[in-house]
């Protein structure tokens, strides 16, 4: 009886750290598609676009602009499907005994367009939102709650450029507005290490448009085989 109990205890001791020790999450990209459901938008009510921005007589703009995704250009057409946002995990993330891993993250590509034209006294404008120059780096904490996945906390910071183009006159000189945006971690964000039908192999690279000009300009590591975020990104209220 004592021998059986001892074997059971030893088995439990060995099993406890096994969750954390079985693998490390490799660096790579996470890809997102933004739905046209009104949840992703920028609210200018607390910080209006100044008067005179759209034309000399335009009033301050304090309304909301609703966005939807526009597929990011890739060197191989369709390589990322309808992906409009790319977040890169910059480091391999090894789990500690506490079942927590940490990596740095950075926005690498963004391609959103307004769901509806912005109406002003100077006419209507279509809006495109892309990344603007070098992007801040934040930290992502990954929690392993089971052998197949867990939760993560990933605050994001990004520099965004909104380009306003007059409706019906795409060749007109666009108006540019720059913003720094902070996203708090999405509640209930989950991940799994189960293989996915990832569009880019973790062994490969993909060349993507990172500055929003429609021309692929940078090679990024592909998606990671043992890390797949469990649900689509929530709509975000920008402010």
C-alpha atoms as a PDB file:
ATOM      1  CA  UNK A   1       0.000   0.000   0.000  1.00  0.00           C
ATOM      2  CA  UNK A   2       2.786   2.437   0.965  1.00  0.00           C
ATOM      3  CA  UNK A   3       4.575   1.669  -2.271  1.00  0.00           C
ATOM      4  CA  UNK A   4       1.465   2.410  -4.315  1.00  0.00           C
ATOM      5  CA  UNK A   5       0.938   5.719  -2.509  1.00  0.00           C
ATOM      6  CA  UNK A   6       4.568   6.696  -3.093  1.00  0.00           C
ATOM      7  CA  UNK A   7       4.304   5.945  -6.810  1.00  0.00           C
ATOM      8  CA  UNK A   8       1.129   8.039  -7.033  1.00  0.00           C
ATOM      9  CA  UNK A   9       2.771  10.999  -5.293  1.00  0.00           C
ATOM     10  CA  UNK A  10       5.816  10.814  -7.565  1.00  0.00           C
ATOM     11  CA  UNK A  11       3.591  10.753 -10.622  1.00  0.00           C
ATOM     12  CA  UNK A  12       1.807  13.895  -9.445  1.00  0.00           C
ATOM     13  CA  UNK A  13       5.091  15.697  -8.743  1.00  0.00           C
ATOM     14  CA  UNK A  14       6.356  14.905 -12.223  1.00  0.00           C
ATOM     15  CA  UNK A  15       3.064  15.916 -13.847  1.00  0.00           C
ATOM     16  CA  UNK A  16       2.805  19.398 -12.326  1.00  0.00           C
ATOM     17  CA  UNK A  17       5.616  21.104 -14.278  1.00  0.00           C
ATOM     18  CA  UNK A  18       4.965  19.114 -17.451  1.00  0.00           C
ATOM     19  CA  UNK A  19       2.441  21.659 -18.694  1.00  0.00           C
ATOM     20  CA  UNK A  20       5.044  24.413 -18.750  1.00  0.00           C
ATOM     21  CA  UNK A  21       8.019  22.365 -19.841  1.00  0.00           C
ATOM     22  CA  UNK A  22       6.687  20.693 -22.959  1.00  0.00           C
ATOM     23  CA  UNK A  23       7.382  23.511 -25.421  1.00  0.00           C
ATOM     24  CA  UNK A  24       8.277  27.147 -26.014  1.00  0.00           C
ATOM     25  CA  UNK A  25       6.279  29.449 -28.263  1.00  0.00           C
ATOM     26  CA  UNK A  26       8.350  30.574 -31.208  1.00  0.00           C
ATOM     27  CA  UNK A  27       8.423  34.148 -32.423  1.00  0.00           C
ATOM     28  CA  UNK A  28       6.115  34.883 -35.345  1.00  0.00           C
ATOM     29  CA  UNK A  29       3.090  36.859 -36.440  1.00  0.00           C
ATOM     30  CA  UNK A  30      -0.568  36.831 -35.435  1.00  0.00           C
ATOM     31  CA  UNK A  31      -3.033  37.880 -38.124  1.00  0.00           C
ATOM     32  CA  UNK A  32      -6.457  39.451 -37.677  1.00  0.00           C
ATOM     33  CA  UNK A  33      -9.506  40.326 -39.768  1.00  0.00           C
ATOM     34  CA  UNK A  34     -11.668  43.281 -38.720  1.00  0.00           C
ATOM     35  CA  UNK A  35     -15.402  42.817 -39.257  1.00  0.00           C
ATOM     36  CA  UNK A  36     -17.622  45.567 -40.635  1.00  0.00           C
ATOM     37  CA  UNK A  37     -19.888  45.443 -37.580  1.00  0.00           C
ATOM     38  CA  UNK A  38     -19.379  48.943 -36.177  1.00  0.00           C
ATOM     39  CA  UNK A  39     -17.343  47.839 -33.170  1.00  0.00           C
ATOM     40  CA  UNK A  40     -14.039  49.161 -34.509  1.00  0.00           C
ATOM     41  CA  UNK A  41     -14.239  52.953 -34.577  1.00  0.00           C
ATOM     42  CA  UNK A  42     -12.531  56.198 -33.602  1.00  0.00           C
ATOM     43  CA  UNK A  43     -14.453  58.605 -31.395  1.00  0.00           C
ATOM     44  CA  UNK A  44     -13.425  62.248 -31.843  1.00  0.00           C
ATOM     45  CA  UNK A  45     -15.848  63.619 -29.227  1.00  0.00           C
ATOM     46  CA  UNK A  46     -13.176  64.322 -26.598  1.00  0.00           C
ATOM     47  CA  UNK A  47     -10.482  65.456 -29.044  1.00  0.00           C
ATOM     48  CA  UNK A  48     -12.115  66.877 -32.204  1.00  0.00           C
ATOM     49  CA  UNK A  49     -10.384  67.376 -35.532  1.00  0.00           C
ATOM     50  CA  UNK A  50      -9.660  71.139 -35.532  1.00  0.00           C
ATOM     51  CA  UNK A  51     -11.746  73.577 -37.542  1.00  0.00           C
ATOM     52  CA  UNK A  52     -10.233  74.335 -40.940  1.00  0.00           C
ATOM     53  CA  UNK A  53      -8.847  70.821 -41.396  1.00  0.00           C
ATOM     54  CA  UNK A  54     -11.114  69.789 -44.288  1.00  0.00           C
ATOM     55  CA  UNK A  55     -11.204  73.267 -45.840  1.00  0.00           C
ATOM     56  CA  UNK A  56     -10.917  76.866 -44.646  1.00  0.00           C
ATOM     57  CA  UNK A  57     -14.572  76.990 -43.574  1.00  0.00           C
ATOM     58  CA  UNK A  58     -14.912  73.520 -42.005  1.00  0.00           C
ATOM     59  CA  UNK A  59     -16.102  73.270 -38.408  1.00  0.00           C
ATOM     60  CA  UNK A  60     -14.408  71.107 -35.795  1.00  0.00           C
ATOM     61  CA  UNK A  61     -15.238  67.420 -36.324  1.00  0.00           C
ATOM     62  CA  UNK A  62     -16.349  65.553 -33.182  1.00  0.00           C
ATOM     63  CA  UNK A  63     -18.211  62.591 -34.684  1.00  0.00           C
ATOM     64  CA  UNK A  64     -17.308  58.871 -34.890  1.00  0.00           C
ATOM     65  CA  UNK A  65     -15.594  57.158 -37.830  1.00  0.00           C
ATOM     66  CA  UNK A  66     -16.450  53.458 -38.218  1.00  0.00           C
ATOM     67  CA  UNK A  67     -13.814  51.189 -39.765  1.00  0.00           C
ATOM     68  CA  UNK A  68     -13.668  47.824 -41.484  1.00  0.00           C
ATOM     69  CA  UNK A  69     -10.737  45.750 -42.697  1.00  0.00           C
ATOM     70  CA  UNK A  70      -9.113  46.039 -46.111  1.00  0.00           C
ATOM     71  CA  UNK A  71      -6.789  43.121 -47.028  1.00  0.00           C
ATOM     72  CA  UNK A  72      -3.089  43.851 -46.641  1.00  0.00           C
ATOM     73  CA  UNK A  73      -1.074  43.641 -49.860  1.00  0.00           C
ATOM     74  CA  UNK A  74       1.372  40.701 -50.021  1.00  0.00           C
ATOM     75  CA  UNK A  75       3.991  39.728 -52.607  1.00  0.00           C
ATOM     76  CA  UNK A  76       2.077  36.502 -53.188  1.00  0.00           C
ATOM     77  CA  UNK A  77      -1.544  37.564 -53.754  1.00  0.00           C
ATOM     78  CA  UNK A  78      -3.859  36.082 -51.139  1.00  0.00           C
ATOM     79  CA  UNK A  79      -1.029  34.765 -48.950  1.00  0.00           C
ATOM     80  CA  UNK A  80      -2.756  36.142 -45.850  1.00  0.00           C
ATOM     81  CA  UNK A  81      -6.335  35.946 -47.066  1.00  0.00           C
ATOM     82  CA  UNK A  82      -8.333  38.944 -45.832  1.00  0.00           C
ATOM     83  CA  UNK A  83      -5.906  39.831 -43.024  1.00  0.00           C
ATOM     84  CA  UNK A  84      -5.917  43.562 -42.228  1.00  0.00           C
ATOM     85  CA  UNK A  85      -3.835  43.643 -39.032  1.00  0.00           C
ATOM     86  CA  UNK A  86      -0.533  41.949 -38.191  1.00  0.00           C
ATOM     87  CA  UNK A  87       1.003  41.763 -34.722  1.00  0.00           C
ATOM     88  CA  UNK A  88       4.510  40.333 -34.442  1.00  0.00           C
ATOM     89  CA  UNK A  89       5.801  38.424 -31.403  1.00  0.00           C
ATOM     90  CA  UNK A  90       9.452  39.414 -31.481  1.00  0.00           C
ATOM     91  CA  UNK A  91      10.950  36.778 -29.161  1.00  0.00           C
ATOM     92  CA  UNK A  92      10.645  33.077 -28.485  1.00  0.00           C
ATOM     93  CA  UNK A  93       8.617  32.696 -25.262  1.00  0.00           C
ATOM     94  CA  UNK A  94       9.645  29.919 -22.880  1.00  0.00           C
ATOM     95  CA  UNK A  95       7.315  29.018 -20.022  1.00  0.00           C
ATOM     96  CA  UNK A  96       8.609  29.359 -16.471  1.00  0.00           C
ATOM     97  CA  UNK A  97       7.629  27.080 -13.593  1.00  0.00           C
ATOM     98  CA  UNK A  98       4.721  29.454 -12.959  1.00  0.00           C
ATOM     99  CA  UNK A  99       3.344  28.528 -16.424  1.00  0.00           C
ATOM    100  CA  UNK A 100       3.849  32.107 -17.639  1.00  0.00           C
ATOM    101  CA  UNK A 101       5.845  33.182 -20.695  1.00  0.00           C
ATOM    102  CA  UNK A 102       6.692  36.718 -21.833  1.00  0.00           C
ATOM    103  CA  UNK A 103       7.495  38.178 -25.235  1.00  0.00           C
ATOM    104  CA  UNK A 104       7.700  41.587 -26.855  1.00  0.00           C
ATOM    105  CA  UNK A 105       5.031  42.514 -29.412  1.00  0.00           C
ATOM    106  CA  UNK A 106       4.756  45.174 -32.089  1.00  0.00           C
ATOM    107  CA  UNK A 107       2.160  46.170 -34.682  1.00  0.00           C
ATOM    108  CA  UNK A 108       3.682  45.547 -38.109  1.00  0.00           C
ATOM    109  CA  UNK A 109       0.833  46.229 -40.519  1.00  0.00           C
ATOM    110  CA  UNK A 110      -2.630  47.805 -40.450  1.00  0.00           C
ATOM    111  CA  UNK A 111      -5.126  48.344 -43.253  1.00  0.00           C
ATOM    112  CA  UNK A 112      -8.532  49.738 -42.290  1.00  0.00           C
ATOM    113  CA  UNK A 113     -10.992  51.838 -44.293  1.00  0.00           C
ATOM    114  CA  UNK A 114     -14.059  53.800 -43.274  1.00  0.00           C
ATOM    115  CA  UNK A 115     -17.358  51.953 -43.504  1.00  0.00           C
ATOM    116  CA  UNK A 116     -19.100  55.163 -44.572  1.00  0.00           C
ATOM    117  CA  UNK A 117     -17.822  58.447 -46.026  1.00  0.00           C
ATOM    118  CA  UNK A 118     -17.190  61.218 -43.508  1.00  0.00           C
ATOM    119  CA  UNK A 119     -19.603  64.058 -44.230  1.00  0.00           C
ATOM    120  CA  UNK A 120     -18.424  67.635 -43.736  1.00  0.00           C
ATOM    121  CA  UNK A 121     -19.403  71.095 -44.965  1.00  0.00           C
ATOM    122  CA  UNK A 122     -16.512  70.753 -47.444  1.00  0.00           C
ATOM    123  CA  UNK A 123     -17.830  67.524 -48.925  1.00  0.00           C
ATOM    124  CA  UNK A 124     -17.519  63.827 -48.100  1.00  0.00           C
ATOM    125  CA  UNK A 125     -14.264  61.951 -47.512  1.00  0.00           C
ATOM    126  CA  UNK A 126     -13.211  58.313 -47.511  1.00  0.00           C
ATOM    127  CA  UNK A 127     -10.726  57.428 -44.776  1.00  0.00           C
ATOM    128  CA  UNK A 128      -7.901  54.896 -44.682  1.00  0.00           C
ATOM    129  CA  UNK A 129      -5.995  54.062 -41.480  1.00  0.00           C
ATOM    130  CA  UNK A 130      -2.466  52.632 -41.665  1.00  0.00           C
ATOM    131  CA  UNK A 131       0.595  52.503 -39.438  1.00  0.00           C
ATOM    132  CA  UNK A 132       2.706  55.643 -39.304  1.00  0.00           C
ATOM    133  CA  UNK A 133       6.455  55.119 -39.073  1.00  0.00           C
ATOM    134  CA  UNK A 134       8.238  53.254 -36.283  1.00  0.00           C
ATOM    135  CA  UNK A 135       5.896  51.496 -33.868  1.00  0.00           C
ATOM    136  CA  UNK A 136       6.135  51.200 -30.062  1.00  0.00           C
ATOM    137  CA  UNK A 137       6.969  47.840 -28.504  1.00  0.00           C
ATOM    138  CA  UNK A 138       4.898  46.449 -25.629  1.00  0.00           C
ATOM    139  CA  UNK A 139       4.992  43.173 -23.671  1.00  0.00           C
ATOM    140  CA  UNK A 140       2.700  40.172 -23.951  1.00  0.00           C
ATOM    141  CA  UNK A 141       2.212  37.745 -21.057  1.00  0.00           C
ATOM    142  CA  UNK A 142       1.075  34.238 -22.006  1.00  0.00           C
ATOM    143  CA  UNK A 143      -0.502  31.962 -19.389  1.00  0.00           C
ATOM    144  CA  UNK A 144      -0.683  28.210 -19.955  1.00  0.00           C
ATOM    145  CA  UNK A 145      -3.747  26.863 -18.163  1.00  0.00           C
ATOM    146  CA  UNK A 146      -3.773  23.400 -19.736  1.00  0.00           C
ATOM    147  CA  UNK A 147      -1.729  21.161 -21.993  1.00  0.00           C
ATOM    148  CA  UNK A 148      -3.400  22.726 -25.048  1.00  0.00           C
ATOM    149  CA  UNK A 149      -3.587  26.433 -24.275  1.00  0.00           C
ATOM    150  CA  UNK A 150      -4.604  29.214 -21.946  1.00  0.00           C
ATOM    151  CA  UNK A 151      -4.907  33.004 -21.742  1.00  0.00           C
ATOM    152  CA  UNK A 152      -2.812  36.015 -22.685  1.00  0.00           C
ATOM    153  CA  UNK A 153      -2.560  39.704 -21.796  1.00  0.00           C
ATOM    154  CA  UNK A 154      -1.344  41.961 -24.598  1.00  0.00           C
ATOM    155  CA  UNK A 155      -1.681  45.755 -24.327  1.00  0.00           C
ATOM    156  CA  UNK A 156      -0.944  47.431 -27.652  1.00  0.00           C
ATOM    157  CA  UNK A 157       0.393  50.827 -28.637  1.00  0.00           C
ATOM    158  CA  UNK A 158       0.475  52.129 -32.196  1.00  0.00           C
ATOM    159  CA  UNK A 159       1.116  55.243 -34.249  1.00  0.00           C
ATOM    160  CA  UNK A 160      -1.627  55.592 -36.850  1.00  0.00           C
ATOM    161  CA  UNK A 161      -2.020  57.737 -39.944  1.00  0.00           C
ATOM    162  CA  UNK A 162      -5.560  58.508 -41.139  1.00  0.00           C
ATOM    163  CA  UNK A 163      -5.729  59.616 -44.754  1.00  0.00           C
ATOM    164  CA  UNK A 164      -8.861  61.509 -45.883  1.00  0.00           C
ATOM    165  CA  UNK A 165      -9.565  61.467 -49.636  1.00  0.00           C
ATOM    166  CA  UNK A 166     -12.485  63.383 -51.228  1.00  0.00           C
ATOM    167  CA  UNK A 167     -15.237  61.069 -52.452  1.00  0.00           C
ATOM    168  CA  UNK A 168     -15.349  61.025 -56.255  1.00  0.00           C
ATOM    169  CA  UNK A 169     -11.873  62.530 -56.588  1.00  0.00           C
ATOM    170  CA  UNK A 170      -9.297  59.872 -55.635  1.00  0.00           C
ATOM    171  CA  UNK A 171      -6.517  61.840 -57.365  1.00  0.00           C
ATOM    172  CA  UNK A 172      -7.019  64.857 -55.100  1.00  0.00           C
ATOM    173  CA  UNK A 173      -4.358  65.660 -52.535  1.00  0.00           C
ATOM    174  CA  UNK A 174      -5.296  63.698 -49.392  1.00  0.00           C
ATOM    175  CA  UNK A 175      -5.519  65.164 -45.926  1.00  0.00           C
ATOM    176  CA  UNK A 176      -3.475  63.413 -43.230  1.00  0.00           C
ATOM    177  CA  UNK A 177      -4.171  63.127 -39.506  1.00  0.00           C
ATOM    178  CA  UNK A 178      -1.730  61.384 -37.143  1.00  0.00           C
ATOM    179  CA  UNK A 179      -2.658  59.749 -33.843  1.00  0.00           C
ATOM    180  CA  UNK A 180      -0.999  57.711 -31.095  1.00  0.00           C
ATOM    181  CA  UNK A 181      -3.392  55.021 -29.877  1.00  0.00           C
ATOM    182  CA  UNK A 182      -3.231  52.873 -26.750  1.00  0.00           C
ATOM    183  CA  UNK A 183      -5.211  49.630 -26.504  1.00  0.00           C
ATOM    184  CA  UNK A 184      -5.788  48.008 -23.155  1.00  0.00           C
ATOM    185  CA  UNK A 185      -5.657  44.207 -23.058  1.00  0.00           C
ATOM    186  CA  UNK A 186      -8.782  42.558 -24.438  1.00  0.00           C
ATOM    187  CA  UNK A 187     -10.616  40.708 -21.648  1.00  0.00           C
ATOM    188  CA  UNK A 188     -10.890  36.942 -22.001  1.00  0.00           C
ATOM    189  CA  UNK A 189      -8.249  36.606 -24.742  1.00  0.00           C
ATOM    190  CA  UNK A 190      -7.326  32.941 -25.247  1.00  0.00           C
ATOM    191  CA  UNK A 191      -4.847  30.857 -27.224  1.00  0.00           C
ATOM    192  CA  UNK A 192      -4.308  27.233 -28.185  1.00  0.00           C
ATOM    193  CA  UNK A 193      -1.286  25.201 -29.272  1.00  0.00           C
ATOM    194  CA  UNK A 194      -3.342  22.986 -31.543  1.00  0.00           C
ATOM    195  CA  UNK A 195      -2.226  23.067 -35.184  1.00  0.00           C
ATOM    196  CA  UNK A 196      -4.216  25.443 -37.334  1.00  0.00           C
ATOM    197  CA  UNK A 197      -4.794  25.939 -41.012  1.00  0.00           C
ATOM    198  CA  UNK A 198      -2.405  28.892 -40.835  1.00  0.00           C
ATOM    199  CA  UNK A 199      -1.992  30.722 -44.093  1.00  0.00           C
ATOM    200  CA  UNK A 200       1.763  31.046 -43.633  1.00  0.00           C
ATOM    201  CA  UNK A 201       3.912  28.203 -42.349  1.00  0.00           C
ATOM    202  CA  UNK A 202       5.932  28.843 -39.199  1.00  0.00           C
ATOM    203  CA  UNK A 203       8.953  27.831 -41.265  1.00  0.00           C
ATOM    204  CA  UNK A 204       8.321  30.460 -43.922  1.00  0.00           C
ATOM    205  CA  UNK A 205       8.285  34.214 -44.394  1.00  0.00           C
ATOM    206  CA  UNK A 206       5.804  36.516 -46.081  1.00  0.00           C
ATOM    207  CA  UNK A 207       6.445  39.906 -47.674  1.00  0.00           C
ATOM    208  CA  UNK A 208       3.776  42.431 -46.691  1.00  0.00           C
ATOM    209  CA  UNK A 209       2.890  46.100 -47.052  1.00  0.00           C
ATOM    210  CA  UNK A 210       3.763  47.676 -43.687  1.00  0.00           C
ATOM    211  CA  UNK A 211       3.341  51.373 -44.531  1.00  0.00           C
ATOM    212  CA  UNK A 212      -0.029  51.310 -46.288  1.00  0.00           C
ATOM    213  CA  UNK A 213       1.075  52.331 -49.778  1.00  0.00           C
ATOM    214  CA  UNK A 214      -0.137  49.071 -51.328  1.00  0.00           C
ATOM    215  CA  UNK A 215       3.396  47.800 -52.097  1.00  0.00           C
ATOM    216  CA  UNK A 216       4.844  44.876 -50.076  1.00  0.00           C
ATOM    217  CA  UNK A 217       8.035  46.160 -48.479  1.00  0.00           C
ATOM    218  CA  UNK A 218       9.073  43.910 -45.556  1.00  0.00           C
ATOM    219  CA  UNK A 219       9.528  40.201 -44.915  1.00  0.00           C
ATOM    220  CA  UNK A 220       7.946  38.940 -41.685  1.00  0.00           C
ATOM    221  CA  UNK A 221       8.172  35.554 -40.017  1.00  0.00           C
ATOM    222  CA  UNK A 222       5.172  33.387 -40.689  1.00  0.00           C
ATOM    223  CA  UNK A 223       2.527  32.324 -38.209  1.00  0.00           C
ATOM    224  CA  UNK A 224       3.623  29.984 -35.426  1.00  0.00           C
ATOM    225  CA  UNK A 225       2.512  26.342 -35.470  1.00  0.00           C
ATOM    226  CA  UNK A 226       2.087  26.040 -31.689  1.00  0.00           C
ATOM    227  CA  UNK A 227       0.400  29.368 -30.970  1.00  0.00           C
ATOM    228  CA  UNK A 228      -2.998  30.302 -32.326  1.00  0.00           C
ATOM    229  CA  UNK A 229      -5.181  32.945 -30.769  1.00  0.00           C
ATOM    230  CA  UNK A 230      -8.496  31.457 -29.847  1.00  0.00           C
ATOM    231  CA  UNK A 231     -10.929  34.042 -31.174  1.00  0.00           C
ATOM    232  CA  UNK A 232     -11.121  36.972 -33.542  1.00  0.00           C
ATOM    233  CA  UNK A 233      -9.921  40.316 -32.272  1.00  0.00           C
ATOM    234  CA  UNK A 234     -12.559  42.368 -30.543  1.00  0.00           C
ATOM    235  CA  UNK A 235     -13.699  45.588 -32.124  1.00  0.00           C
ATOM    236  CA  UNK A 236     -11.825  48.475 -30.547  1.00  0.00           C
ATOM    237  CA  UNK A 237     -12.975  51.934 -29.657  1.00  0.00           C
ATOM    238  CA  UNK A 238     -10.177  54.342 -30.532  1.00  0.00           C
ATOM    239  CA  UNK A 239      -9.997  57.595 -28.668  1.00  0.00           C
END
